């Protein structure tokens, strides 16, 4: 059974994306017969809708996980104290590791209008 025979929801993201590329190539080359045109366009629409849905769900999961990750990183950073025998004055190594995460004060990331994270000039693509 080829990917063309399987429901779109059963395809991996890569399989669906590859099939969509194939359909687009066929349409651009004009190699789709008039009899198959509507069916190929309907399949392309199904694939686009499924991939958009997966991207949306993944984005929501990432946006939910990022605050948890930031909290864990900040908790780990906050647990290092001078009384632990580690001198962190002047050592920005641990502070820089926290600021590499989206939402950090010094990393160029910021929350966008929808509550997601975006690096200035380079939005996250999900």
PDB file of N, CA and C in Angstrom:
ATOM      1  N   UNK A   1       0.849  -1.176   0.000  1.00  0.00           N
ATOM      2  CA  UNK A   1       0.000   0.000   0.000  1.00  0.00           C
ATOM      3  C   UNK A   1       0.895   1.241   0.000  1.00  0.00           C
ATOM      4  N   UNK A   2       0.724   2.112  -0.960  1.00  0.00           N
ATOM      5  CA  UNK A   2       1.522   3.335  -1.041  1.00  0.00           C
ATOM      6  C   UNK A   2       0.884   4.412  -0.177  1.00  0.00           C
ATOM      7  N   UNK A   3       1.632   5.490   0.033  1.00  0.00           N
ATOM      8  CA  UNK A   3       1.101   6.584   0.846  1.00  0.00           C
ATOM      9  C   UNK A   3      -0.152   7.184   0.209  1.00  0.00           C
ATOM     10  N   UNK A   4      -0.254   7.106  -1.107  1.00  0.00           N
ATOM     11  CA  UNK A   4      -1.435   7.651  -1.805  1.00  0.00           C
ATOM     12  C   UNK A   4      -2.698   6.873  -1.462  1.00  0.00           C
ATOM     13  N   UNK A   5      -2.540   5.631  -1.017  1.00  0.00           N
ATOM     14  CA  UNK A   5      -3.681   4.780  -0.720  1.00  0.00           C
ATOM     15  C   UNK A   5      -4.112   4.876   0.748  1.00  0.00           C
ATOM     16  N   UNK A   6      -3.263   5.449   1.582  1.00  0.00           N
ATOM     17  CA  UNK A   6      -3.546   5.510   3.016  1.00  0.00           C
ATOM     18  C   UNK A   6      -4.210   6.831   3.382  1.00  0.00           C
ATOM     19  N   UNK A   7      -5.067   6.806   4.406  1.00  0.00           N
ATOM     20  CA  UNK A   7      -5.630   8.064   4.888  1.00  0.00           C
ATOM     21  C   UNK A   7      -4.511   8.999   5.344  1.00  0.00           C
ATOM     22  N   UNK A   8      -4.684  10.279   5.107  1.00  0.00           N
ATOM     23  CA  UNK A   8      -3.650  11.265   5.422  1.00  0.00           C
ATOM     24  C   UNK A   8      -3.261  11.208   6.893  1.00  0.00           C
ATOM     25  N   UNK A   9      -4.223  10.994   7.780  1.00  0.00           N
ATOM     26  CA  UNK A   9      -3.947  10.958   9.217  1.00  0.00           C
ATOM     27  C   UNK A   9      -2.999   9.822   9.597  1.00  0.00           C
ATOM     28  N   UNK A  10      -2.888   8.800   8.749  1.00  0.00           N
ATOM     29  CA  UNK A  10      -1.999   7.675   9.035  1.00  0.00           C
ATOM     30  C   UNK A  10      -0.586   7.887   8.503  1.00  0.00           C
ATOM     31  N   UNK A  11      -0.362   8.947   7.744  1.00  0.00           N
ATOM     32  CA  UNK A  11       0.952   9.217   7.185  1.00  0.00           C
ATOM     33  C   UNK A  11       1.819   9.951   8.193  1.00  0.00           C
ATOM     34  N   UNK A  12       3.117   9.683   8.150  1.00  0.00           N
ATOM     35  CA  UNK A  12       4.026  10.492   8.956  1.00  0.00           C
ATOM     36  C   UNK A  12       4.070  11.883   8.332  1.00  0.00           C
ATOM     37  N   UNK A  13       4.570  12.835   9.092  1.00  0.00           N
ATOM     38  CA  UNK A  13       4.682  14.202   8.574  1.00  0.00           C
ATOM     39  C   UNK A  13       5.522  14.207   7.295  1.00  0.00           C
ATOM     40  N   UNK A  14       6.614  13.455   7.306  1.00  0.00           N
ATOM     41  CA  UNK A  14       7.516  13.414   6.150  1.00  0.00           C
ATOM     42  C   UNK A  14       6.841  12.776   4.938  1.00  0.00           C
ATOM     43  N   UNK A  15       6.086  11.706   5.162  1.00  0.00           N
ATOM     44  CA  UNK A  15       5.377  11.064   4.051  1.00  0.00           C
ATOM     45  C   UNK A  15       4.345  12.008   3.445  1.00  0.00           C
ATOM     46  N   UNK A  16       3.585  12.671   4.305  1.00  0.00           N
ATOM     47  CA  UNK A  16       2.550  13.591   3.818  1.00  0.00           C
ATOM     48  C   UNK A  16       3.177  14.757   3.067  1.00  0.00           C
ATOM     49  N   UNK A  17       4.250  15.298   3.620  1.00  0.00           N
ATOM     50  CA  UNK A  17       4.933  16.417   2.977  1.00  0.00           C
ATOM     51  C   UNK A  17       5.507  16.005   1.618  1.00  0.00           C
ATOM     52  N   UNK A  18       6.070  14.821   1.561  1.00  0.00           N
ATOM     53  CA  UNK A  18       6.623  14.314   0.306  1.00  0.00           C
ATOM     54  C   UNK A  18       5.523  14.099  -0.737  1.00  0.00           C
ATOM     55  N   UNK A  19       4.399  13.563  -0.293  1.00  0.00           N
ATOM     56  CA  UNK A  19       3.288  13.359  -1.232  1.00  0.00           C
ATOM     57  C   UNK A  19       2.761  14.696  -1.740  1.00  0.00           C
ATOM     58  N   UNK A  20       2.677  15.680  -0.855  1.00  0.00           N
ATOM     59  CA  UNK A  20       2.241  17.010  -1.278  1.00  0.00           C
ATOM     60  C   UNK A  20       3.212  17.594  -2.307  1.00  0.00           C
ATOM     61  N   UNK A  21       4.505  17.429  -2.072  1.00  0.00           N
ATOM     62  CA  UNK A  21       5.502  17.896  -3.047  1.00  0.00           C
ATOM     63  C   UNK A  21       5.302  17.222  -4.400  1.00  0.00           C
ATOM     64  N   UNK A  22       5.011  15.933  -4.370  1.00  0.00           N
ATOM     65  CA  UNK A  22       4.786  15.187  -5.607  1.00  0.00           C
ATOM     66  C   UNK A  22       3.570  15.737  -6.353  1.00  0.00           C
ATOM     67  N   UNK A  23       2.507  15.994  -5.622  1.00  0.00           N
ATOM     68  CA  UNK A  23       1.294  16.534  -6.244  1.00  0.00           C
ATOM     69  C   UNK A  23       1.580  17.894  -6.870  1.00  0.00           C
ATOM     70  N   UNK A  24       2.273  18.745  -6.137  1.00  0.00           N
ATOM     71  CA  UNK A  24       2.599  20.080  -6.653  1.00  0.00           C
ATOM     72  C   UNK A  24       3.452  19.957  -7.919  1.00  0.00           C
ATOM     73  N   UNK A  25       4.441  19.062  -7.894  1.00  0.00           N
ATOM     74  CA  UNK A  25       5.283  18.854  -9.083  1.00  0.00           C
ATOM     75  C   UNK A  25       4.444  18.392 -10.273  1.00  0.00           C
ATOM     76  N   UNK A  26       3.533  17.454 -10.025  1.00  0.00           N
ATOM     77  CA  UNK A  26       2.666  16.960 -11.101  1.00  0.00           C
ATOM     78  C   UNK A  26       1.828  18.091 -11.688  1.00  0.00           C
ATOM     79  N   UNK A  27       1.288  18.931 -10.807  1.00  0.00           N
ATOM     80  CA  UNK A  27       0.453  20.039 -11.274  1.00  0.00           C
ATOM     81  C   UNK A  27       1.277  21.065 -12.048  1.00  0.00           C
ATOM     82  N   UNK A  28       2.487  21.359 -11.548  1.00  0.00           N
ATOM     83  CA  UNK A  28       3.339  22.332 -12.239  1.00  0.00           C
ATOM     84  C   UNK A  28       3.780  21.837 -13.610  1.00  0.00           C
ATOM     85  N   UNK A  29       4.029  20.542 -13.727  1.00  0.00           N
ATOM     86  CA  UNK A  29       4.464  19.963 -15.004  1.00  0.00           C
ATOM     87  C   UNK A  29       3.290  19.704 -15.949  1.00  0.00           C
ATOM     88  N   UNK A  30       2.080  19.777 -15.413  1.00  0.00           N
ATOM     89  CA  UNK A  30       0.909  19.493 -16.243  1.00  0.00           C
ATOM     90  C   UNK A  30       0.743  18.020 -16.531  1.00  0.00           C
ATOM     91  N   UNK A  31       1.297  17.179 -15.664  1.00  0.00           N
ATOM     92  CA  UNK A  31       1.236  15.743 -15.909  1.00  0.00           C
ATOM     93  C   UNK A  31       0.027  15.067 -15.269  1.00  0.00           C
ATOM     94  N   UNK A  32      -0.916  15.846 -14.766  1.00  0.00           N
ATOM     95  CA  UNK A  32      -2.140  15.292 -14.177  1.00  0.00           C
ATOM     96  C   UNK A  32      -3.235  15.387 -15.232  1.00  0.00           C
ATOM     97  N   UNK A  33      -3.854  14.250 -15.475  1.00  0.00           N
ATOM     98  CA  UNK A  33      -4.945  14.257 -16.463  1.00  0.00           C
ATOM     99  C   UNK A  33      -6.141  15.009 -15.894  1.00  0.00           C
ATOM    100  N   UNK A  34      -6.976  15.470 -16.786  1.00  0.00           N
ATOM    101  CA  UNK A  34      -8.183  16.180 -16.371  1.00  0.00           C
ATOM    102  C   UNK A  34      -9.034  15.280 -15.481  1.00  0.00           C
ATOM    103  N   UNK A  35      -9.054  13.991 -15.779  1.00  0.00           N
ATOM    104  CA  UNK A  35      -9.841  13.048 -14.985  1.00  0.00           C
ATOM    105  C   UNK A  35      -9.328  12.935 -13.546  1.00  0.00           C
ATOM    106  N   UNK A  36      -8.034  13.095 -13.340  1.00  0.00           N
ATOM    107  CA  UNK A  36      -7.424  12.944 -12.014  1.00  0.00           C
ATOM    108  C   UNK A  36      -7.233  14.267 -11.281  1.00  0.00           C
ATOM    109  N   UNK A  37      -7.428  15.366 -11.978  1.00  0.00           N
ATOM    110  CA  UNK A  37      -7.124  16.682 -11.415  1.00  0.00           C
ATOM    111  C   UNK A  37      -7.870  16.966 -10.112  1.00  0.00           C
ATOM    112  N   UNK A  38      -9.156  16.779 -10.099  1.00  0.00           N
ATOM    113  CA  UNK A  38      -9.952  17.085  -8.905  1.00  0.00           C
ATOM    114  C   UNK A  38      -9.522  16.197  -7.738  1.00  0.00           C
ATOM    115  N   UNK A  39      -9.324  14.933  -8.008  1.00  0.00           N
ATOM    116  CA  UNK A  39      -8.900  14.010  -6.949  1.00  0.00           C
ATOM    117  C   UNK A  39      -7.555  14.388  -6.356  1.00  0.00           C
ATOM    118  N   UNK A  40      -6.619  14.799  -7.199  1.00  0.00           N
ATOM    119  CA  UNK A  40      -5.284  15.193  -6.713  1.00  0.00           C
ATOM    120  C   UNK A  40      -5.370  16.489  -5.905  1.00  0.00           C
ATOM    121  N   UNK A  41      -6.210  17.418  -6.362  1.00  0.00           N
ATOM    122  CA  UNK A  41      -6.381  18.666  -5.612  1.00  0.00           C
ATOM    123  C   UNK A  41      -7.053  18.411  -4.264  1.00  0.00           C
ATOM    124  N   UNK A  42      -8.024  17.511  -4.241  1.00  0.00           N
ATOM    125  CA  UNK A  42      -8.672  17.169  -2.970  1.00  0.00           C
ATOM    126  C   UNK A  42      -7.673  16.522  -2.013  1.00  0.00           C
ATOM    127  N   UNK A  43      -6.834  15.643  -2.534  1.00  0.00           N
ATOM    128  CA  UNK A  43      -5.810  14.993  -1.697  1.00  0.00           C
ATOM    129  C   UNK A  43      -4.830  16.045  -1.181  1.00  0.00           C
ATOM    130  N   UNK A  44      -4.421  16.967  -2.020  1.00  0.00           N
ATOM    131  CA  UNK A  44      -3.508  18.031  -1.595  1.00  0.00           C
ATOM    132  C   UNK A  44      -4.141  18.862  -0.481  1.00  0.00           C
ATOM    133  N   UNK A  45      -5.421  19.170  -0.625  1.00  0.00           N
ATOM    134  CA  UNK A  45      -6.141  19.944   0.401  1.00  0.00           C
ATOM    135  C   UNK A  45      -6.163  19.179   1.721  1.00  0.00           C
ATOM    136  N   UNK A  46      -6.458  17.886   1.678  1.00  0.00           N
ATOM    137  CA  UNK A  46      -6.472  17.054   2.892  1.00  0.00           C
ATOM    138  C   UNK A  46      -5.102  17.066   3.570  1.00  0.00           C
ATOM    139  N   UNK A  47      -4.051  16.948   2.762  1.00  0.00           N
ATOM    140  CA  UNK A  47      -2.697  16.924   3.318  1.00  0.00           C
ATOM    141  C   UNK A  47      -2.369  18.261   3.976  1.00  0.00           C
ATOM    142  N   UNK A  48      -2.663  19.351   3.290  1.00  0.00           N
ATOM    143  CA  UNK A  48      -2.376  20.686   3.841  1.00  0.00           C
ATOM    144  C   UNK A  48      -3.122  20.883   5.156  1.00  0.00           C
ATOM    145  N   UNK A  49      -4.386  20.507   5.198  1.00  0.00           N
ATOM    146  CA  UNK A  49      -5.176  20.665   6.422  1.00  0.00           C
ATOM    147  C   UNK A  49      -4.614  19.816   7.556  1.00  0.00           C
ATOM    148  N   UNK A  50      -4.225  18.586   7.261  1.00  0.00           N
ATOM    149  CA  UNK A  50      -3.667  17.691   8.284  1.00  0.00           C
ATOM    150  C   UNK A  50      -2.333  18.221   8.805  1.00  0.00           C
ATOM    151  N   UNK A  51      -1.470  18.649   7.899  1.00  0.00           N
ATOM    152  CA  UNK A  51      -0.174  19.169   8.334  1.00  0.00           C
ATOM    153  C   UNK A  51      -0.332  20.452   9.142  1.00  0.00           C
ATOM    154  N   UNK A  52      -1.236  21.314   8.731  1.00  0.00           N
ATOM    155  CA  UNK A  52      -1.486  22.552   9.487  1.00  0.00           C
ATOM    156  C   UNK A  52      -1.998  22.225  10.889  1.00  0.00           C
ATOM    157  N   UNK A  53      -2.857  21.232  10.997  1.00  0.00           N
ATOM    158  CA  UNK A  53      -3.381  20.815  12.294  1.00  0.00           C
ATOM    159  C   UNK A  53      -2.260  20.272  13.179  1.00  0.00           C
ATOM    160  N   UNK A  54      -1.388  19.455  12.612  1.00  0.00           N
ATOM    161  CA  UNK A  54      -0.264  18.906  13.381  1.00  0.00           C
ATOM    162  C   UNK A  54       0.671  20.019  13.859  1.00  0.00           C
ATOM    163  N   UNK A  55       0.929  20.972  12.971  1.00  0.00           N
ATOM    164  CA  UNK A  55       1.800  22.094  13.337  1.00  0.00           C
ATOM    165  C   UNK A  55       1.159  22.894  14.468  1.00  0.00           C
ATOM    166  N   UNK A  56      -0.123  23.137  14.367  1.00  0.00           N
ATOM    167  CA  UNK A  56      -0.837  23.896  15.397  1.00  0.00           C
ATOM    168  C   UNK A  56      -0.784  23.177  16.747  1.00  0.00           C
ATOM    169  N   UNK A  57      -1.024  21.859  16.733  1.00  0.00           N
ATOM    170  CA  UNK A  57      -0.963  21.084  17.983  1.00  0.00           C
ATOM    171  C   UNK A  57       0.444  21.087  18.556  1.00  0.00           C
ATOM    172  N   UNK A  58       1.441  20.933  17.699  1.00  0.00           N
ATOM    173  CA  UNK A  58       2.828  20.940  18.170  1.00  0.00           C
ATOM    174  C   UNK A  58       3.203  22.290  18.756  1.00  0.00           C
ATOM    175  N   UNK A  59       2.780  23.340  18.107  1.00  0.00           N
ATOM    176  CA  UNK A  59       3.064  24.689  18.609  1.00  0.00           C
ATOM    177  C   UNK A  59       2.456  24.893  19.993  1.00  0.00           C
ATOM    178  N   UNK A  60       1.206  24.442  20.165  1.00  0.00           N
ATOM    179  CA  UNK A  60       0.542  24.570  21.465  1.00  0.00           C
ATOM    180  C   UNK A  60       1.297  23.790  22.536  1.00  0.00           C
ATOM    181  N   UNK A  61       1.780  22.600  22.188  1.00  0.00           N
ATOM    182  CA  UNK A  61       2.540  21.805  23.150  1.00  0.00           C
ATOM    183  C   UNK A  61       3.857  22.490  23.510  1.00  0.00           C
ATOM    184  N   UNK A  62       4.543  23.037  22.513  1.00  0.00           N
ATOM    185  CA  UNK A  62       5.804  23.729  22.762  1.00  0.00           C
ATOM    186  C   UNK A  62       5.565  24.944  23.649  1.00  0.00           C
ATOM    187  N   UNK A  63       4.528  25.706  23.340  1.00  0.00           N
ATOM    188  CA  UNK A  63       4.238  26.905  24.126  1.00  0.00           C
ATOM    189  C   UNK A  63       3.855  26.559  25.559  1.00  0.00           C
ATOM    190  N   UNK A  64       3.300  25.380  25.769  1.00  0.00           N
ATOM    191  CA  UNK A  64       2.989  24.931  27.125  1.00  0.00           C
ATOM    192  C   UNK A  64       4.261  24.478  27.845  1.00  0.00           C
ATOM    193  N   UNK A  65       5.164  23.841  27.123  1.00  0.00           N
ATOM    194  CA  UNK A  65       6.383  23.304  27.735  1.00  0.00           C
ATOM    195  C   UNK A  65       7.439  24.365  28.026  1.00  0.00           C
ATOM    196  N   UNK A  66       7.503  25.417  27.211  1.00  0.00           N
ATOM    197  CA  UNK A  66       8.542  26.431  27.377  1.00  0.00           C
ATOM    198  C   UNK A  66       8.514  27.062  28.765  1.00  0.00           C
ATOM    199  N   UNK A  67       7.354  27.494  29.279  1.00  0.00           N
ATOM    200  CA  UNK A  67       7.355  28.063  30.635  1.00  0.00           C
ATOM    201  C   UNK A  67       7.842  27.065  31.691  1.00  0.00           C
ATOM    202  N   UNK A  68       7.481  25.782  31.524  1.00  0.00           N
ATOM    203  CA  UNK A  68       7.960  24.767  32.457  1.00  0.00           C
ATOM    204  C   UNK A  68       9.482  24.640  32.382  1.00  0.00           C
ATOM    205  N   UNK A  69       9.999  24.660  31.178  1.00  0.00           N
ATOM    206  CA  UNK A  69      11.441  24.579  30.980  1.00  0.00           C
ATOM    207  C   UNK A  69      12.139  25.789  31.572  1.00  0.00           C
ATOM    208  N   UNK A  70      11.569  26.965  31.341  1.00  0.00           N
ATOM    209  CA  UNK A  70      12.143  28.188  31.902  1.00  0.00           C
ATOM    210  C   UNK A  70      12.122  28.151  33.423  1.00  0.00           C
ATOM    211  N   UNK A  71      11.019  27.689  33.987  1.00  0.00           N
ATOM    212  CA  UNK A  71      10.925  27.589  35.439  1.00  0.00           C
ATOM    213  C   UNK A  71      11.959  26.637  35.996  1.00  0.00           C
ATOM    214  N   UNK A  72      12.151  25.496  35.351  1.00  0.00           N
ATOM    215  CA  UNK A  72      13.150  24.531  35.805  1.00  0.00           C
ATOM    216  C   UNK A  72      14.554  25.103  35.684  1.00  0.00           C
ATOM    217  N   UNK A  73      14.819  25.809  34.582  1.00  0.00           N
ATOM    218  CA  UNK A  73      16.148  26.406  34.389  1.00  0.00           C
ATOM    219  C   UNK A  73      16.397  27.493  35.425  1.00  0.00           C
ATOM    220  N   UNK A  74      15.379  28.297  35.691  1.00  0.00           N
ATOM    221  CA  UNK A  74      15.533  29.364  36.684  1.00  0.00           C
ATOM    222  C   UNK A  74      15.674  28.782  38.075  1.00  0.00           C
ATOM    223  N   UNK A  75      14.953  27.709  38.370  1.00  0.00           N
ATOM    224  CA  UNK A  75      15.078  27.064  39.676  1.00  0.00           C
ATOM    225  C   UNK A  75      16.477  26.492  39.841  1.00  0.00           C
ATOM    226  N   UNK A  76      16.995  25.883  38.777  1.00  0.00           N
ATOM    227  CA  UNK A  76      18.344  25.336  38.839  1.00  0.00           C
ATOM    228  C   UNK A  76      19.359  26.453  39.000  1.00  0.00           C
ATOM    229  N   UNK A  77      19.151  27.545  38.318  1.00  0.00           N
ATOM    230  CA  UNK A  77      20.054  28.692  38.422  1.00  0.00           C
ATOM    231  C   UNK A  77      19.965  29.311  39.805  1.00  0.00           C
ATOM    232  N   UNK A  78      18.767  29.398  40.334  1.00  0.00           N
ATOM    233  CA  UNK A  78      18.560  30.000  41.640  1.00  0.00           C
ATOM    234  C   UNK A  78      19.067  29.131  42.772  1.00  0.00           C
ATOM    235  N   UNK A  79      19.239  27.827  42.539  1.00  0.00           N
ATOM    236  CA  UNK A  79      19.688  26.937  43.609  1.00  0.00           C
ATOM    237  C   UNK A  79      21.176  27.052  43.864  1.00  0.00           C
ATOM    238  N   UNK A  80      21.943  27.615  42.916  1.00  0.00           N
ATOM    239  CA  UNK A  80      23.377  27.810  43.143  1.00  0.00           C
ATOM    240  C   UNK A  80      23.547  29.043  44.011  1.00  0.00           C
ATOM    241  N   UNK A  81      24.107  28.864  45.178  1.00  0.00           N
ATOM    242  CA  UNK A  81      24.286  29.991  46.084  1.00  0.00           C
ATOM    243  C   UNK A  81      25.745  30.085  46.496  1.00  0.00           C
ATOM    244  N   UNK A  82      26.202  31.277  46.899  1.00  0.00           N
ATOM    245  CA  UNK A  82      27.581  31.433  47.331  1.00  0.00           C
ATOM    246  C   UNK A  82      27.927  30.512  48.488  1.00  0.00           C
ATOM    247  N   UNK A  83      26.957  30.141  49.315  1.00  0.00           N
ATOM    248  CA  UNK A  83      27.251  29.272  50.450  1.00  0.00           C
ATOM    249  C   UNK A  83      27.537  27.840  50.014  1.00  0.00           C
ATOM    250  N   UNK A  84      27.262  27.520  48.749  1.00  0.00           N
ATOM    251  CA  UNK A  84      27.517  26.171  48.272  1.00  0.00           C
ATOM    252  C   UNK A  84      28.982  25.957  47.944  1.00  0.00           C
ATOM    253  N   UNK A  85      29.792  27.000  48.139  1.00  0.00           N
ATOM    254  CA  UNK A  85      31.219  26.875  47.866  1.00  0.00           C
ATOM    255  C   UNK A  85      31.578  27.224  46.445  1.00  0.00           C
ATOM    256  N   UNK A  86      30.580  27.565  45.627  1.00  0.00           N
ATOM    257  CA  UNK A  86      30.833  27.933  44.245  1.00  0.00           C
ATOM    258  C   UNK A  86      30.718  29.440  44.127  1.00  0.00           C
ATOM    259  N   UNK A  87      31.773  30.065  43.675  1.00  0.00           N
ATOM    260  CA  UNK A  87      31.764  31.507  43.508  1.00  0.00           C
ATOM    261  C   UNK A  87      31.170  31.820  42.150  1.00  0.00           C
ATOM    262  N   UNK A  88      29.980  32.435  42.162  1.00  0.00           N
ATOM    263  CA  UNK A  88      29.332  32.778  40.899  1.00  0.00           C
ATOM    264  C   UNK A  88      29.417  34.260  40.618  1.00  0.00           C
ATOM    265  N   UNK A  89      30.045  35.052  41.491  1.00  0.00           N
ATOM    266  CA  UNK A  89      30.158  36.482  41.226  1.00  0.00           C
ATOM    267  C   UNK A  89      31.105  36.684  40.058  1.00  0.00           C
ATOM    268  N   UNK A  90      30.626  37.361  39.061  1.00  0.00           N
ATOM    269  CA  UNK A  90      31.457  37.593  37.884  1.00  0.00           C
ATOM    270  C   UNK A  90      31.421  36.448  36.895  1.00  0.00           C
ATOM    271  N   UNK A  91      30.875  35.299  37.257  1.00  0.00           N
ATOM    272  CA  UNK A  91      30.768  34.178  36.325  1.00  0.00           C
ATOM    273  C   UNK A  91      29.389  34.216  35.709  1.00  0.00           C
ATOM    274  N   UNK A  92      29.321  34.582  34.417  1.00  0.00           N
ATOM    275  CA  UNK A  92      28.029  34.691  33.745  1.00  0.00           C
ATOM    276  C   UNK A  92      27.663  33.396  33.027  1.00  0.00           C
ATOM    277  N   UNK A  93      28.464  32.358  33.159  1.00  0.00           N
ATOM    278  CA  UNK A  93      28.188  31.111  32.446  1.00  0.00           C
ATOM    279  C   UNK A  93      26.809  30.565  32.734  1.00  0.00           C
ATOM    280  N   UNK A  94      26.444  30.432  34.021  1.00  0.00           N
ATOM    281  CA  UNK A  94      25.137  29.875  34.337  1.00  0.00           C
ATOM    282  C   UNK A  94      24.025  30.853  33.973  1.00  0.00           C
ATOM    283  N   UNK A  95      24.276  32.147  34.117  1.00  0.00           N
ATOM    284  CA  UNK A  95      23.265  33.143  33.765  1.00  0.00           C
ATOM    285  C   UNK A  95      23.030  33.128  32.260  1.00  0.00           C
ATOM    286  N   UNK A  96      24.079  32.990  31.473  1.00  0.00           N
ATOM    287  CA  UNK A  96      23.921  32.955  30.021  1.00  0.00           C
ATOM    288  C   UNK A  96      23.142  31.724  29.588  1.00  0.00           C
ATOM    289  N   UNK A  97      23.331  30.594  30.289  1.00  0.00           N
ATOM    290  CA  UNK A  97      22.613  29.398  29.871  1.00  0.00           C
ATOM    291  C   UNK A  97      21.113  29.579  30.061  1.00  0.00           C
ATOM    292  N   UNK A  98      20.694  30.309  31.103  1.00  0.00           N
ATOM    293  CA  UNK A  98      19.276  30.569  31.306  1.00  0.00           C
ATOM    294  C   UNK A  98      18.760  31.522  30.239  1.00  0.00           C
ATOM    295  N   UNK A  99      19.564  32.538  29.882  1.00  0.00           N
ATOM    296  CA  UNK A  99      19.081  33.536  28.933  1.00  0.00           C
ATOM    297  C   UNK A  99      19.037  33.021  27.501  1.00  0.00           C
ATOM    298  N   UNK A 100      19.508  31.809  27.253  1.00  0.00           N
ATOM    299  CA  UNK A 100      19.426  31.246  25.907  1.00  0.00           C
ATOM    300  C   UNK A 100      18.012  30.747  25.606  1.00  0.00           C
ATOM    301  N   UNK A 101      17.178  30.608  26.613  1.00  0.00           N
ATOM    302  CA  UNK A 101      15.830  30.114  26.415  1.00  0.00           C
ATOM    303  C   UNK A 101      14.901  31.236  25.985  1.00  0.00           C
ATOM    304  N   UNK A 102      13.862  30.897  25.198  1.00  0.00           N
ATOM    305  CA  UNK A 102      12.892  31.918  24.812  1.00  0.00           C
ATOM    306  C   UNK A 102      12.328  32.616  26.039  1.00  0.00           C
ATOM    307  N   UNK A 103      12.214  33.922  25.967  1.00  0.00           N
ATOM    308  CA  UNK A 103      11.678  34.690  27.074  1.00  0.00           C
ATOM    309  C   UNK A 103      12.741  35.240  27.988  1.00  0.00           C
ATOM    310  N   UNK A 104      14.002  34.798  27.813  1.00  0.00           N
ATOM    311  CA  UNK A 104      15.096  35.329  28.618  1.00  0.00           C
ATOM    312  C   UNK A 104      15.268  36.803  28.324  1.00  0.00           C
ATOM    313  N   UNK A 105      15.822  37.531  29.270  1.00  0.00           N
ATOM    314  CA  UNK A 105      15.915  38.974  29.123  1.00  0.00           C
ATOM    315  C   UNK A 105      16.977  39.409  28.123  1.00  0.00           C
ATOM    316  N   UNK A 106      17.978  38.594  27.897  1.00  0.00           N
ATOM    317  CA  UNK A 106      19.107  39.044  27.083  1.00  0.00           C
ATOM    318  C   UNK A 106      19.261  38.257  25.785  1.00  0.00           C
ATOM    319  N   UNK A 107      18.271  37.500  25.399  1.00  0.00           N
ATOM    320  CA  UNK A 107      18.479  36.582  24.286  1.00  0.00           C
ATOM    321  C   UNK A 107      17.858  36.988  22.965  1.00  0.00           C
ATOM    322  N   UNK A 108      17.137  38.108  22.918  1.00  0.00           N
ATOM    323  CA  UNK A 108      16.512  38.514  21.662  1.00  0.00           C
ATOM    324  C   UNK A 108      15.179  37.857  21.408  1.00  0.00           C
ATOM    325  N   UNK A 109      14.712  37.009  22.321  1.00  0.00           N
ATOM    326  CA  UNK A 109      13.398  36.394  22.176  1.00  0.00           C
ATOM    327  C   UNK A 109      12.385  37.242  22.916  1.00  0.00           C
ATOM    328  N   UNK A 110      11.161  37.172  22.485  1.00  0.00           N
ATOM    329  CA  UNK A 110      10.112  37.863  23.196  1.00  0.00           C
ATOM    330  C   UNK A 110       8.783  37.225  22.894  1.00  0.00           C
ATOM    331  N   UNK A 111       7.834  37.453  23.749  1.00  0.00           N
ATOM    332  CA  UNK A 111       6.512  36.891  23.542  1.00  0.00           C
ATOM    333  C   UNK A 111       5.803  37.690  22.468  1.00  0.00           C
ATOM    334  N   UNK A 112       5.191  36.992  21.502  1.00  0.00           N
ATOM    335  CA  UNK A 112       4.460  37.694  20.456  1.00  0.00           C
ATOM    336  C   UNK A 112       3.025  37.951  20.911  1.00  0.00           C
ATOM    337  N   UNK A 113       2.223  38.544  20.033  1.00  0.00           N
ATOM    338  CA  UNK A 113       0.857  38.935  20.384  1.00  0.00           C
ATOM    339  C   UNK A 113      -0.003  37.749  20.794  1.00  0.00           C
ATOM    340  N   UNK A 114       0.311  36.559  20.289  1.00  0.00           N
ATOM    341  CA  UNK A 114      -0.507  35.386  20.567  1.00  0.00           C
ATOM    342  C   UNK A 114       0.010  34.597  21.765  1.00  0.00           C
ATOM    343  N   UNK A 115       1.006  35.135  22.463  1.00  0.00           N
ATOM    344  CA  UNK A 115       1.543  34.442  23.625  1.00  0.00           C
ATOM    345  C   UNK A 115       2.635  33.451  23.273  1.00  0.00           C
ATOM    346  N   UNK A 116       3.000  33.364  21.991  1.00  0.00           N
ATOM    347  CA  UNK A 116       4.076  32.475  21.569  1.00  0.00           C
ATOM    348  C   UNK A 116       5.403  33.187  21.662  1.00  0.00           C
ATOM    349  N   UNK A 117       6.444  32.495  21.320  1.00  0.00           N
ATOM    350  CA  UNK A 117       7.770  33.081  21.389  1.00  0.00           C
ATOM    351  C   UNK A 117       8.326  33.275  19.997  1.00  0.00           C
ATOM    352  N   UNK A 118       9.037  34.362  19.837  1.00  0.00           N
ATOM    353  CA  UNK A 118       9.577  34.712  18.532  1.00  0.00           C
ATOM    354  C   UNK A 118      10.883  35.421  18.744  1.00  0.00           C
ATOM    355  N   UNK A 119      11.899  35.025  17.973  1.00  0.00           N
ATOM    356  CA  UNK A 119      13.173  35.728  18.023  1.00  0.00           C
ATOM    357  C   UNK A 119      13.063  36.909  17.084  1.00  0.00           C
ATOM    358  N   UNK A 120      13.610  38.030  17.497  1.00  0.00           N
ATOM    359  CA  UNK A 120      13.509  39.229  16.674  1.00  0.00           C
ATOM    360  C   UNK A 120      14.030  38.952  15.282  1.00  0.00           C
ATOM    361  N   UNK A 121      13.172  39.186  14.305  1.00  0.00           N
ATOM    362  CA  UNK A 121      13.554  39.019  12.905  1.00  0.00           C
ATOM    363  C   UNK A 121      13.545  37.577  12.428  1.00  0.00           C
ATOM    364  N   UNK A 122      13.305  36.610  13.303  1.00  0.00           N
ATOM    365  CA  UNK A 122      13.336  35.212  12.897  1.00  0.00           C
ATOM    366  C   UNK A 122      12.269  34.449  13.663  1.00  0.00           C
ATOM    367  N   UNK A 123      11.004  34.472  13.216  1.00  0.00           N
ATOM    368  CA  UNK A 123       9.953  33.803  13.959  1.00  0.00           C
ATOM    369  C   UNK A 123      10.164  32.300  13.966  1.00  0.00           C
ATOM    370  N   UNK A 124       9.758  31.667  15.049  1.00  0.00           N
ATOM    371  CA  UNK A 124       9.792  30.212  15.117  1.00  0.00           C
ATOM    372  C   UNK A 124       8.780  29.671  14.126  1.00  0.00           C
ATOM    373  N   UNK A 125       9.175  28.689  13.386  1.00  0.00           N
ATOM    374  CA  UNK A 125       8.272  28.129  12.376  1.00  0.00           C
ATOM    375  C   UNK A 125       7.716  26.807  12.889  1.00  0.00           C
ATOM    376  N   UNK A 126       6.450  26.818  13.245  1.00  0.00           N
ATOM    377  CA  UNK A 126       5.770  25.606  13.689  1.00  0.00           C
ATOM    378  C   UNK A 126       4.520  25.440  12.909  1.00  0.00           C
TER     379      UNK A 126
END
